[in-house]
Amino acid sequence: MSISEEILIIANKIANEGKKPTIARVKTKLTSNVPLPILISTLRVWQHEPTFTSIKATTLAEVELGEKDGEPTEISEIIKNALAPIKQELVQLRREIDLLKSSKP
């Protein structure tokens, strides 16, 4: 969860209690120290979303595999396609390194 998401979630929880999410109220509920400018700028753009009070957790397996229910997700396909040429170049560079090592006297 990003710092901004944490701030927004806390602000929504405070607003759901019927209180105004002030900088002081939000700051006391943060899990880590957040620079004041980030806190202020995030609260300036905050709009109450009563249902946004937590981040939907994904399982570690889904994150590692990029799959859900055994099928690759769209983002994992994009990443896979982007990495393909890099992997090919890496294989080629390793071959060239091996060739250079073997040609040394």
Protein backbone atom coordinates (compact mmCIF):
# COMPACT_ATOMS: atom_id res chain seq x y z
CA MET A 1 0.00 0.00 0.00
CA SER A 2 1.38 3.40 -0.91
CA ILE A 3 1.58 6.32 1.49
CA SER A 4 -1.13 8.18 -0.41
CA GLU A 5 -3.46 5.18 -0.29
CA GLU A 6 -2.92 4.85 3.46
CA ILE A 7 -3.71 8.54 3.96
CA LEU A 8 -6.87 8.28 1.86
CA ILE A 9 -8.04 5.15 3.69
CA ILE A 10 -7.50 6.77 7.08
CA ALA A 11 -9.28 9.95 5.93
CA ASN A 12 -12.26 7.89 4.74
CA LYS A 13 -12.43 5.98 8.02
CA ILE A 14 -12.39 9.24 10.00
CA ALA A 15 -15.08 10.72 7.76
CA ASN A 16 -17.16 7.55 8.15
CA GLU A 17 -17.08 8.21 11.92
CA GLY A 18 -18.65 11.62 11.25
CA LYS A 19 -15.46 13.58 11.95
CA LYS A 20 -13.46 15.87 9.69
CA PRO A 21 -10.16 14.23 8.63
CA THR A 22 -7.67 16.86 9.75
CA ILE A 23 -3.91 16.61 9.35
CA ALA A 24 -3.53 15.92 13.09
CA ARG A 25 -6.17 13.17 13.14
CA VAL A 26 -4.74 11.43 10.09
CA LYS A 27 -1.13 11.77 11.26
CA THR A 28 -1.86 10.02 14.56
CA LYS A 29 -3.21 6.95 12.74
CA LEU A 30 -0.41 6.55 10.17
CA THR A 31 1.76 3.45 10.48
CA SER A 32 4.95 5.34 9.59
CA ASN A 33 6.27 8.89 9.57
CA VAL A 34 5.06 10.75 6.50
CA PRO A 35 6.51 14.09 5.40
CA LEU A 36 4.04 16.88 6.12
CA PRO A 37 3.96 18.17 2.50
CA ILE A 38 2.82 14.74 1.27
CA LEU A 39 0.16 14.54 3.94
CA ILE A 40 -1.12 18.04 3.16
CA SER A 41 -1.16 17.57 -0.62
CA THR A 42 -2.94 14.23 -0.35
CA LEU A 43 -5.60 15.60 1.98
CA ARG A 44 -6.13 18.59 -0.32
CA VAL A 45 -7.26 16.34 -3.16
CA TRP A 46 -9.08 13.84 -0.93
CA GLN A 47 -12.77 13.29 -1.55
CA HIS A 48 -14.83 11.12 0.73
CA GLU A 49 -15.28 7.60 -0.61
CA PRO A 50 -17.10 5.72 2.17
CA THR A 51 -16.26 2.28 0.76
CA PHE A 52 -12.52 2.87 0.26
CA THR A 53 -11.38 1.79 3.71
CA SER A 54 -8.94 -0.97 2.82
CA ILE A 55 -6.83 -2.30 -0.03
CA LYS A 56 -7.96 -5.54 -1.61
CA ALA A 57 -5.25 -8.06 -0.81
CA THR A 58 -3.98 -10.42 -3.46
CA THR A 59 -2.33 -13.67 -2.59
CA LEU A 60 1.42 -13.97 -2.86
CA ALA A 61 1.01 -16.72 -5.45
CA GLU A 62 -1.04 -14.43 -7.70
CA VAL A 63 1.58 -11.70 -7.45
CA GLU A 64 4.51 -14.06 -8.08
CA LEU A 65 2.89 -15.97 -10.90
CA GLY A 66 0.90 -13.10 -12.34
CA GLU A 67 -1.99 -15.50 -12.61
CA LYS A 68 -5.46 -15.82 -11.24
CA ASP A 69 -7.35 -19.09 -11.46
CA GLY A 70 -4.54 -20.56 -13.56
CA GLU A 71 -4.86 -17.96 -16.33
CA PRO A 72 -2.28 -15.22 -16.92
CA THR A 73 -3.53 -11.75 -16.17
CA GLU A 74 -3.32 -9.01 -18.76
CA ILE A 75 -0.51 -7.22 -16.95
CA SER A 76 1.57 -10.39 -16.67
CA GLU A 77 1.23 -10.86 -20.44
CA ILE A 78 2.38 -7.29 -21.05
CA ILE A 79 5.38 -7.80 -18.77
CA LYS A 80 6.19 -11.14 -20.39
CA ASN A 81 6.10 -9.58 -23.87
CA ALA A 82 8.24 -6.66 -22.76
CA LEU A 83 10.87 -8.94 -21.22
CA ALA A 84 11.14 -11.33 -24.18
CA PRO A 85 13.59 -9.20 -26.24
CA ILE A 86 15.65 -8.45 -23.13
CA LYS A 87 15.98 -12.16 -22.39
CA GLN A 88 17.05 -12.84 -25.98
CA GLU A 89 19.66 -10.11 -25.82
CA LEU A 90 20.96 -11.51 -22.53
CA VAL A 91 21.39 -14.97 -24.07
CA GLN A 92 23.24 -13.44 -27.03
CA LEU A 93 25.54 -11.43 -24.74
CA ARG A 94 26.36 -14.50 -22.68
CA ARG A 95 27.30 -16.39 -25.86
CA GLU A 96 29.57 -13.53 -26.92
CA ILE A 97 31.21 -13.44 -23.48
CA ASP A 98 31.80 -17.19 -23.60
CA LEU A 99 33.28 -16.83 -27.10
CA LEU A 100 35.62 -14.07 -25.93
CA LYS A 101 36.72 -16.11 -22.91
CA SER A 102 37.46 -19.17 -25.04
CA SER A 103 39.51 -17.18 -27.59
CA LYS A 104 41.93 -15.77 -24.97
CA PRO A 105 45.40 -17.32 -25.08
